[in-house]
């Protein structure tokens, strides 16, 4: 080997067969990460922002509250729309108000990113926390959901940050964390079981029984809103709710009528809605990489996983386990938090060449998930909504109609903002995986250079 190659190999390896990352100036790396996060939010802001589907109902609830001072009795929580009231007030015309409210979830993400960074960095370090935020913004369904006014963004980020706040050492972050947990759960009652399980996990970890008040406050907030809006604490607004009858044997039935096993299998593994394809980091052995970090980090990851488990318990039996005609597993946006935490740790701690290659591949797929949701959404999938959604199951189970595969089946040219977004996603990918690729190349070079002596030694082992 040349002196340069020897020096490079020594810089990249700390023991035989173990490859470590190149250390770059932390200050410049931090500036780069912040710039990438800001550019990501800017790209989403420049993309088509819409208020459609369930978000349309939430916006009408906000208008009813602001114009007439009344709360309607729809099934969707009014907490999120009420928090968007200041944006609505800034608009002078109906069009301006609608446009300003469409930016609500972008603002929620920006605020949550600050809160998560300053809390999480104490447990896994600043650099890994920035990786986590980059993956959360670029490698999940968040880019897609930030384009709409649905409640999953606020609920997922509030609950995720709230659970992190409960792990803090000081008093006021815990109070704030409890408030966020209640807000996230009340805004999306489907999170109730998951948030309850996660709080129980934190009670077991911290030995603080006072945390048991948080699930009670969550239940109280949900019941109070139901009583104020629908006249009964136990009326959810979903009574009798059902979809269209199709060829599928369990379609058209109301409420929690879907077979649990079939719902769970579909939520986990279906091509168009499965968590395995949309949040692959969820299935990584994060506990292996969390050993090197604080006990609070391990407790947080378990708490986040329990939220996802609770969502699985709730929605596996719900008739609309797939979330309706929408992009991806909309109800499971929270899964991006534990998934990105695992990928952030793995991308920083992968050592062997095989592990580094696997990390690069999974992170590339995760970023494709983010890009596909941002740019392609439900393009060329009208067949799944035709004739009262009789063929909607194509979008759930058939690979060619999955929102992640369809852009490769029916291709089109990218417009300017889409091409700029693609460039940004590639830069983010290189930022996260560059050290991994350098490690792979270095180890491959070592293997090639060391091959002739090994071959000669193998040949000498034979006797004539």
Protein backbone atom coordinates (compact mmCIF):
# COMPACT_ATOMS: atom_id res chain seq x y z
CA UNK A 1 0.00 0.00 0.00
CA UNK A 2 1.09 3.56 -0.64
CA UNK A 3 1.76 5.86 2.33
CA UNK A 4 -1.43 7.76 1.51
CA UNK A 5 -3.49 4.57 1.47
CA UNK A 6 -1.94 3.43 4.72
CA UNK A 7 -2.72 6.76 6.37
CA UNK A 8 -6.28 6.73 5.09
CA UNK A 9 -6.82 3.18 6.29
CA UNK A 10 -5.41 4.02 9.71
CA UNK A 11 -7.72 7.02 9.91
CA UNK A 12 -10.79 4.95 9.03
CA UNK A 13 -10.12 1.84 11.14
CA UNK A 14 -9.61 1.45 14.85
CA UNK A 15 -9.15 -2.33 14.85
CA UNK A 16 -8.93 -5.14 12.25
CA UNK A 17 -12.31 -5.69 10.64
CA UNK A 18 -13.84 -2.74 12.49
CA UNK A 19 -14.43 0.42 10.47
CA UNK A 20 -15.10 3.76 12.15
CA UNK A 21 -16.41 7.02 10.79
CA UNK A 22 -14.38 9.93 9.53
CA UNK A 23 -14.47 12.76 12.06
CA UNK A 24 -15.47 16.05 10.44
CA UNK A 25 -15.48 19.47 12.17
CA UNK A 26 -18.54 19.38 14.40
CA UNK A 27 -19.34 23.08 14.03
CA UNK A 28 -19.49 22.95 10.23
CA UNK A 29 -21.44 19.72 10.36
CA UNK A 30 -23.98 21.31 12.70
CA UNK A 31 -24.37 24.29 10.36
CA UNK A 32 -24.88 21.91 7.43
CA UNK A 33 -27.54 19.93 9.30
CA UNK A 34 -29.46 23.05 10.30
CA UNK A 35 -29.30 24.32 6.72
CA UNK A 36 -30.60 21.00 5.40
CA UNK A 37 -33.48 21.00 7.87
CA UNK A 38 -34.37 24.58 6.93
CA UNK A 39 -34.20 23.72 3.23
CA UNK A 40 -36.41 20.70 3.83
CA UNK A 41 -39.09 22.81 5.46
CA UNK A 42 -38.76 25.37 2.67
CA UNK A 43 -39.21 22.71 -0.02
CA UNK A 44 -42.37 21.45 1.69
CA UNK A 45 -43.61 25.03 1.96
CA UNK A 46 -43.03 25.52 -1.78
CA UNK A 47 -44.83 22.28 -2.67
CA UNK A 48 -48.62 22.20 -3.25
CA UNK A 49 -50.24 22.55 0.18
CA UNK A 50 -53.79 21.28 0.36
CA UNK A 51 -56.66 20.85 2.80
CA UNK A 52 -58.49 17.76 1.61
CA UNK A 53 -60.13 14.64 2.99
CA UNK A 54 -60.54 14.57 6.75
CA UNK A 55 -58.59 17.82 6.93
CA UNK A 56 -61.46 19.55 5.13
CA UNK A 57 -63.81 18.62 7.97
CA UNK A 58 -61.31 19.89 10.53
CA UNK A 59 -61.02 23.20 8.67
CA UNK A 60 -64.80 23.61 8.56
CA UNK A 61 -64.87 23.04 12.33
CA UNK A 62 -62.33 25.84 12.71
CA UNK A 63 -64.39 28.16 10.52
CA UNK A 64 -67.55 27.40 12.49
CA UNK A 65 -65.71 28.20 15.71
CA UNK A 66 -64.19 31.43 14.42
CA UNK A 67 -67.17 32.79 12.45
CA UNK A 68 -70.05 31.73 14.70
CA UNK A 69 -68.38 30.93 18.01
CA UNK A 70 -69.87 27.43 17.97
CA UNK A 71 -68.37 23.97 18.30
CA UNK A 72 -69.74 21.45 15.82
CA UNK A 73 -70.29 17.79 16.70
CA UNK A 74 -67.97 16.12 14.17
CA UNK A 75 -65.86 13.14 15.22
CA UNK A 76 -62.52 14.94 14.78
CA UNK A 77 -60.97 16.71 17.74
CA UNK A 78 -61.19 20.50 17.80
CA UNK A 79 -57.92 20.94 19.70
CA UNK A 80 -55.70 21.05 16.61
CA UNK A 81 -57.93 23.42 14.65
CA UNK A 82 -58.24 25.67 17.71
CA UNK A 83 -54.45 25.97 17.88
CA UNK A 84 -54.49 27.04 14.23
CA UNK A 85 -56.89 29.90 15.03
CA UNK A 86 -54.12 32.58 15.14
CA UNK A 87 -53.16 31.72 11.54
CA UNK A 88 -56.80 31.90 10.51
CA UNK A 89 -57.13 35.34 12.12
CA UNK A 90 -54.21 36.68 10.11
CA UNK A 91 -56.06 36.19 6.84
CA UNK A 92 -58.36 38.89 5.54
CA UNK A 93 -60.16 36.81 2.93
CA UNK A 94 -61.40 33.20 2.95
CA UNK A 95 -58.66 32.26 0.49
CA UNK A 96 -55.92 33.84 2.60
CA UNK A 97 -57.19 32.18 5.76
CA UNK A 98 -57.24 28.77 4.13
CA UNK A 99 -53.73 29.25 2.75
CA UNK A 100 -52.31 30.36 6.09
CA UNK A 101 -53.90 27.46 7.97
CA UNK A 102 -52.36 25.04 5.45
CA UNK A 103 -48.95 26.02 6.91
CA UNK A 104 -49.98 24.99 10.43
CA UNK A 105 -48.33 21.56 10.44
CA UNK A 106 -45.10 23.02 9.07
CA UNK A 107 -44.94 25.34 12.05
CA UNK A 108 -45.71 22.46 14.40
CA UNK A 109 -42.82 20.45 12.99
CA UNK A 110 -40.39 23.37 13.26
CA UNK A 111 -41.28 23.96 16.92
CA UNK A 112 -41.15 20.24 17.71
CA UNK A 113 -37.73 19.94 16.05
CA UNK A 114 -36.29 22.51 18.47
CA UNK A 115 -37.88 20.80 21.46
CA UNK A 116 -36.70 17.34 20.41
CA UNK A 117 -33.17 18.51 19.70
CA UNK A 118 -32.55 20.27 23.00
CA UNK A 119 -34.07 17.38 24.99
CA UNK A 120 -32.80 14.37 23.07
CA UNK A 121 -29.20 15.53 22.63
CA UNK A 122 -28.59 15.01 26.37
CA UNK A 123 -29.24 11.31 25.89
CA UNK A 124 -27.74 10.39 22.49
CA UNK A 125 -25.54 13.37 21.65
CA UNK A 126 -26.05 16.39 19.39
CA UNK A 127 -24.80 14.79 16.18
CA UNK A 128 -27.01 11.72 16.45
CA UNK A 129 -29.97 13.92 17.36
CA UNK A 130 -29.47 15.97 14.20
CA UNK A 131 -29.33 12.73 12.20
CA UNK A 132 -32.60 11.74 13.84
CA UNK A 133 -34.27 15.02 12.83
CA UNK A 134 -32.96 14.80 9.26
CA UNK A 135 -34.35 11.29 8.93
CA UNK A 136 -37.63 12.34 10.52
CA UNK A 137 -38.10 15.17 8.02
CA UNK A 138 -36.79 13.39 4.92
CA UNK A 139 -37.17 9.66 5.58
CA UNK A 140 -40.75 9.22 6.81
CA UNK A 141 -44.31 10.14 5.82
CA UNK A 142 -43.88 13.56 7.47
CA UNK A 143 -43.09 15.39 4.17
CA UNK A 144 -46.44 14.23 2.83
CA UNK A 145 -48.43 14.89 5.98
CA UNK A 146 -46.95 18.38 6.35
CA UNK A 147 -48.70 19.28 3.10
CA UNK A 148 -52.15 18.80 4.66
CA UNK A 149 -54.06 19.85 7.77
CA UNK A 150 -54.63 16.41 9.31
CA UNK A 151 -54.23 15.86 13.05
CA UNK A 152 -51.54 13.15 12.97
CA UNK A 153 -48.61 15.60 12.77
CA UNK A 154 -49.56 17.53 15.91
CA UNK A 155 -50.53 14.40 17.86
CA UNK A 156 -47.43 12.41 16.95
CA UNK A 157 -44.94 15.18 17.68
CA UNK A 158 -46.70 16.35 20.84
CA UNK A 159 -46.85 12.84 22.27
CA UNK A 160 -43.29 12.01 21.23
CA UNK A 161 -41.86 15.20 22.72
CA UNK A 162 -44.11 14.88 25.77
CA UNK A 163 -42.81 11.42 26.63
CA UNK A 164 -39.27 12.75 26.27
CA UNK A 165 -40.17 15.62 28.62
CA UNK A 166 -41.36 13.17 31.27
CA UNK A 167 -37.86 11.69 31.33
CA UNK A 168 -36.24 15.05 32.10
CA UNK A 169 -34.53 15.66 35.41
CA UNK A 170 -36.08 19.07 36.12
CA UNK A 171 -39.62 19.85 37.23
CA UNK A 172 -41.01 22.19 34.56
CA UNK A 173 -40.06 20.01 31.56
CA UNK A 174 -42.06 17.20 33.15
CA UNK A 175 -45.09 19.45 33.54
CA UNK A 176 -44.71 20.59 29.94
CA UNK A 177 -44.20 16.99 28.85
CA UNK A 178 -47.38 15.91 30.61
CA UNK A 179 -49.27 18.71 28.85
CA UNK A 180 -47.97 17.60 25.47
CA UNK A 181 -48.90 13.97 26.15
CA UNK A 182 -52.46 15.04 27.02
CA UNK A 183 -52.65 17.33 23.97
CA UNK A 184 -51.38 14.64 21.58
CA UNK A 185 -53.71 11.99 22.93
CA UNK A 186 -56.81 14.17 23.13
CA UNK A 187 -56.21 15.45 19.59
CA UNK A 188 -56.11 11.84 18.32
CA UNK A 189 -57.93 9.50 20.74
CA UNK A 190 -56.67 6.49 18.80
CA UNK A 191 -53.38 7.08 20.61
CA UNK A 192 -54.98 6.52 24.03
CA UNK A 193 -53.93 2.90 24.54
CA UNK A 194 -50.44 3.55 23.22
CA UNK A 195 -49.90 6.63 25.35
CA UNK A 196 -51.18 4.76 28.40
CA UNK A 197 -48.78 1.86 27.83
CA UNK A 198 -45.87 4.22 27.25
CA UNK A 199 -46.57 6.15 30.45
CA UNK A 200 -46.72 2.86 32.38
CA UNK A 201 -43.29 2.08 30.94
CA UNK A 202 -41.98 5.42 32.22
CA UNK A 203 -43.55 4.76 35.62
CA UNK A 204 -41.70 1.45 35.79
CA UNK A 205 -38.46 3.15 34.72
CA UNK A 206 -38.64 6.25 36.93
CA UNK A 207 -40.51 4.69 39.91
CA UNK A 208 -42.73 7.82 39.97
CA UNK A 209 -46.35 6.89 40.54
CA UNK A 210 -47.47 10.48 39.93
CA UNK A 211 -47.06 9.81 36.21
CA UNK A 212 -50.20 7.68 36.46
CA UNK A 213 -52.13 10.94 36.57
CA UNK A 214 -51.23 11.58 32.92
CA UNK A 215 -53.42 8.80 31.41
CA UNK A 216 -56.26 9.95 33.64
CA UNK A 217 -55.86 13.50 32.34
CA UNK A 218 -55.83 12.16 28.77
CA UNK A 219 -59.06 10.26 29.34
CA UNK A 220 -60.58 13.30 31.04
CA UNK A 221 -59.66 15.58 28.13
CA UNK A 222 -61.16 13.21 25.56
CA UNK A 223 -64.37 12.80 27.57
CA UNK A 224 -64.67 16.52 28.27
CA UNK A 225 -64.46 17.43 24.60
CA UNK A 226 -66.99 14.73 23.71
CA UNK A 227 -69.39 16.06 26.35
CA UNK A 228 -69.00 19.68 25.26
CA UNK A 229 -69.45 18.95 21.57
CA UNK A 230 -71.72 15.92 21.43
CA UNK A 231 -73.59 16.01 24.73
CA UNK A 232 -72.12 12.82 26.20
CA UNK A 233 -68.66 11.94 27.47
CA UNK A 234 -68.96 8.55 25.79
CA UNK A 235 -70.14 9.64 22.35
CA UNK A 236 -67.21 9.66 19.95
CA UNK A 237 -68.99 10.67 16.75
CA UNK A 238 -67.89 7.45 15.05
CA UNK A 239 -71.04 5.52 15.98
CA UNK A 240 -72.23 3.58 12.93
CA UNK A 241 -69.22 4.75 10.91
CA UNK A 242 -68.51 2.38 8.02
CA UNK A 243 -67.15 2.30 4.48
CA UNK A 244 -68.48 1.10 1.14
CA UNK A 245 -69.39 -2.52 0.53
CA UNK A 246 -67.00 -4.15 -1.94
CA UNK A 247 -65.96 -7.67 -2.90
CA UNK A 248 -63.87 -7.93 0.26
CA UNK A 249 -65.70 -10.11 2.81
CA UNK A 250 -65.42 -7.72 5.77
CA UNK A 251 -66.11 -4.45 3.93
CA UNK A 252 -69.11 -2.27 4.72
CA UNK A 253 -69.21 -3.29 8.38
CA UNK A 254 -69.12 -0.52 11.02
CA UNK A 255 -66.72 0.15 13.85
CA UNK A 256 -64.27 -2.44 15.14
CA UNK A 257 -65.48 -5.20 12.84
CA UNK A 258 -62.30 -6.22 11.03
CA UNK A 259 -60.61 -9.50 12.06
CA UNK A 260 -57.67 -8.58 14.27
CA UNK A 261 -55.15 -10.98 12.71
CA UNK A 262 -55.93 -9.82 9.17
CA UNK A 263 -55.74 -6.18 10.19
CA UNK A 264 -52.44 -6.63 12.02
CA UNK A 265 -50.86 -8.52 9.10
CA UNK A 266 -52.02 -5.86 6.67
CA UNK A 267 -50.80 -2.97 8.82
CA UNK A 268 -47.39 -4.59 9.21
CA UNK A 269 -46.69 -6.18 5.83
CA UNK A 270 -49.03 -4.99 3.05
CA UNK A 271 -47.23 -3.39 0.10
CA UNK A 272 -49.25 -0.19 0.06
CA UNK A 273 -49.80 0.39 3.79
CA UNK A 274 -47.34 -1.85 5.63
CA UNK A 275 -45.08 -0.42 8.32
CA UNK A 276 -42.27 -2.70 7.09
CA UNK A 277 -42.11 -0.74 3.84
CA UNK A 278 -42.87 2.75 5.14
CA UNK A 279 -40.91 2.63 8.42
CA UNK A 280 -38.21 -0.07 8.04
CA UNK A 281 -36.26 1.38 10.97
CA UNK A 282 -39.07 0.22 13.23
CA UNK A 283 -37.87 -3.37 12.79
CA UNK A 284 -34.19 -2.74 13.54
CA UNK A 285 -32.59 -4.02 16.79
CA UNK A 286 -32.13 -0.54 18.24
CA UNK A 287 -31.45 -1.95 21.72
CA UNK A 288 -28.01 -3.05 20.48
CA UNK A 289 -26.96 0.52 19.69
CA UNK A 290 -28.72 2.08 22.67
CA UNK A 291 -26.45 0.18 25.09
CA UNK A 292 -23.84 2.90 24.64
CA UNK A 293 -26.28 5.67 25.62
CA UNK A 294 -28.17 6.76 28.71
CA UNK A 295 -30.84 4.59 30.39
CA UNK A 296 -33.31 7.38 29.58
CA UNK A 297 -32.66 6.88 25.85
CA UNK A 298 -33.44 3.19 26.14
CA UNK A 299 -36.57 3.91 28.16
CA UNK A 300 -37.70 6.50 25.61
CA UNK A 301 -37.28 4.09 22.70
CA UNK A 302 -39.30 1.43 24.52
CA UNK A 303 -42.00 4.01 25.31
CA UNK A 304 -42.18 5.09 21.66
CA UNK A 305 -42.44 1.47 20.53
CA UNK A 306 -45.28 0.90 22.98
CA UNK A 307 -47.19 3.78 21.39
CA UNK A 308 -46.89 2.05 18.01
CA UNK A 309 -47.96 -1.23 19.60
CA UNK A 310 -51.00 0.51 21.07
CA UNK A 311 -51.90 1.91 17.66
CA UNK A 312 -51.64 -1.61 16.24
CA UNK A 313 -54.01 -2.90 18.91
CA UNK A 314 -56.54 -0.17 18.17
CA UNK A 315 -56.54 -0.03 14.39
CA UNK A 316 -56.13 -3.72 13.54
CA UNK A 317 -59.85 -4.16 14.26
CA UNK A 318 -61.02 -0.80 12.89
CA UNK A 319 -62.93 -1.16 9.64
CA UNK A 320 -60.70 1.51 8.07
CA UNK A 321 -57.38 0.16 9.33
CA UNK A 322 -55.82 1.51 6.10
CA UNK A 323 -56.78 5.10 6.93
CA UNK A 324 -59.09 5.62 3.97
CA UNK A 325 -58.04 6.63 0.46
CA UNK A 326 -54.82 8.32 1.50
CA UNK A 327 -51.09 8.03 1.05
CA UNK A 328 -49.51 5.36 3.27
CA UNK A 329 -50.44 4.28 6.83
CA UNK A 330 -51.71 7.69 7.94
CA UNK A 331 -52.73 6.59 11.45
CA UNK A 332 -49.19 5.37 12.14
CA UNK A 333 -47.23 8.56 11.53
CA UNK A 334 -45.90 8.26 15.10
CA UNK A 335 -43.94 5.19 13.98
CA UNK A 336 -41.46 7.56 12.34
CA UNK A 337 -40.06 8.55 15.76
CA UNK A 338 -38.73 5.15 16.94
CA UNK A 339 -37.86 4.19 13.35
CA UNK A 340 -35.69 7.27 12.81
CA UNK A 341 -34.06 6.95 16.23
CA UNK A 342 -32.94 3.43 15.33
CA UNK A 343 -31.64 4.48 11.89
CA UNK A 344 -29.83 7.51 13.33
CA UNK A 345 -27.96 5.32 15.79
CA UNK A 346 -27.24 2.59 13.26
CA UNK A 347 -25.92 4.99 10.61
CA UNK A 348 -23.48 6.36 13.16
CA UNK A 349 -22.41 3.09 14.76
CA UNK A 350 -22.36 0.59 11.86
CA UNK A 351 -18.94 -1.08 11.83
CA UNK A 352 -18.65 -4.03 9.46
CA UNK A 353 -18.89 -3.62 5.69
CA UNK A 354 -22.08 -5.71 5.56
CA UNK A 355 -23.72 -3.65 8.29
CA UNK A 356 -22.71 -0.40 6.59
CA UNK A 357 -24.10 -1.55 3.24
CA UNK A 358 -27.35 -2.63 4.87
CA UNK A 359 -27.66 0.74 6.61
CA UNK A 360 -27.03 2.62 3.35
CA UNK A 361 -29.68 0.56 1.58
CA UNK A 362 -32.37 0.95 4.23
CA UNK A 363 -31.73 4.67 4.62
CA UNK A 364 -31.95 5.09 0.84
CA UNK A 365 -35.33 3.37 0.87
CA UNK A 366 -36.50 5.49 3.82
CA UNK A 367 -35.60 8.68 1.94
CA UNK A 368 -37.47 7.37 -1.09
CA UNK A 369 -40.53 6.99 1.15
CA UNK A 370 -40.23 10.64 2.12
CA UNK A 371 -39.68 11.82 -1.45
CA UNK A 372 -42.48 9.71 -2.93
CA UNK A 373 -44.95 11.07 -0.38
CA UNK A 374 -43.88 14.65 -0.99
CA UNK A 375 -43.81 14.59 -4.79
CA UNK A 376 -46.00 11.78 -6.13
CA UNK A 377 -48.63 11.30 -3.41
CA UNK A 378 -51.60 9.45 -5.02
CA UNK A 379 -50.65 10.21 -8.63
CA UNK A 380 -51.95 7.72 -11.23
CA UNK A 381 -54.00 5.83 -8.66
CA UNK A 382 -57.48 7.02 -9.62
CA UNK A 383 -58.49 3.42 -10.26
CA UNK A 384 -58.43 2.78 -6.51
CA UNK A 385 -61.11 5.43 -5.89
CA UNK A 386 -63.32 4.58 -8.88
CA UNK A 387 -66.80 3.09 -8.52
CA UNK A 388 -67.16 3.75 -4.80
CA UNK A 389 -63.63 2.46 -4.06
CA UNK A 390 -64.39 -1.08 -5.26
CA UNK A 391 -60.78 -1.60 -6.29
CA UNK A 392 -59.16 0.34 -3.45
CA UNK A 393 -57.60 -2.86 -2.10
CA UNK A 394 -55.28 -2.75 -5.13
CA UNK A 395 -53.57 0.18 -3.40
CA UNK A 396 -53.17 -1.85 -0.21
CA UNK A 397 -51.89 -5.19 -1.43
CA UNK A 398 -50.75 -5.12 -5.09
CA UNK A 399 -47.11 -3.99 -5.50
CA UNK A 400 -47.76 -2.27 -8.87
CA UNK A 401 -50.36 -0.04 -7.20
CA UNK A 402 -48.42 0.72 -4.03
CA UNK A 403 -47.72 4.44 -3.65
CA UNK A 404 -44.03 3.53 -3.25
CA UNK A 405 -43.83 1.49 -6.49
CA UNK A 406 -46.33 3.29 -8.72
CA UNK A 407 -43.91 6.14 -9.66
CA UNK A 408 -41.63 3.53 -11.24
CA UNK A 409 -44.52 1.89 -13.13
CA UNK A 410 -46.07 5.10 -14.50
CA UNK A 411 -43.24 7.57 -14.95
CA UNK A 412 -43.29 11.28 -15.74
CA UNK A 413 -40.90 14.20 -15.92
CA UNK A 414 -40.24 16.16 -12.76
CA UNK A 415 -41.18 19.82 -12.59
CA UNK A 416 -38.69 22.34 -11.24
CA UNK A 417 -39.56 22.17 -7.54
CA UNK A 418 -39.66 18.35 -7.67
CA UNK A 419 -36.20 18.23 -9.26
CA UNK A 420 -34.88 20.64 -6.63
CA UNK A 421 -36.40 18.47 -3.92
CA UNK A 422 -34.72 15.39 -5.40
CA UNK A 423 -31.35 17.15 -5.30
CA UNK A 424 -31.92 18.06 -1.66
CA UNK A 425 -32.88 14.48 -0.75
CA UNK A 426 -29.70 13.19 -2.43
CA UNK A 427 -27.60 15.67 -0.45
CA UNK A 428 -29.27 14.57 2.78
CA UNK A 429 -28.59 10.93 1.87
CA UNK A 430 -24.91 11.66 1.28
CA UNK A 431 -24.72 13.63 4.53
CA UNK A 432 -26.06 10.68 6.51
CA UNK A 433 -24.30 7.83 4.70
CA UNK A 434 -21.00 9.31 3.44
CA UNK A 435 -18.99 7.88 6.31
CA UNK A 436 -20.62 4.51 5.77
CA UNK A 437 -19.70 4.50 2.09
CA UNK A 438 -16.13 5.54 2.90
CA UNK A 439 -15.97 2.66 5.35
CA UNK A 440 -17.26 0.23 2.74
CA UNK A 441 -14.79 1.44 0.11
CA UNK A 442 -11.87 1.33 2.54
CA UNK A 443 -12.64 -2.21 3.67
CA UNK A 444 -13.16 -3.32 0.06
CA UNK A 445 -9.75 -1.89 -0.87
CA UNK A 446 -8.19 -3.71 2.06
CA UNK A 447 -9.80 -6.95 0.96
CA UNK A 448 -8.56 -6.53 -2.63
CA UNK A 449 -5.01 -5.64 -1.56
CA UNK A 450 -4.90 -8.51 0.91
CA UNK A 451 -6.32 -11.06 -1.53
CA UNK A 452 -3.06 -12.15 -3.32
CA UNK A 453 -1.20 -13.09 -0.10
CA UNK A 454 -4.23 -15.03 1.10
CA UNK A 455 -4.53 -16.85 -2.23
CA UNK A 456 -0.80 -17.73 -2.18
CA UNK A 457 -1.07 -18.99 1.38
CA UNK A 458 -4.06 -21.11 0.37
CA UNK A 459 -2.13 -22.58 -2.59
CA UNK A 460 0.89 -23.36 -0.44
CA UNK A 461 -1.36 -25.38 1.80
CA UNK A 462 -1.69 -28.05 -0.85
CA UNK A 463 0.88 -30.87 -1.18
CA UNK A 464 1.92 -32.49 -4.47
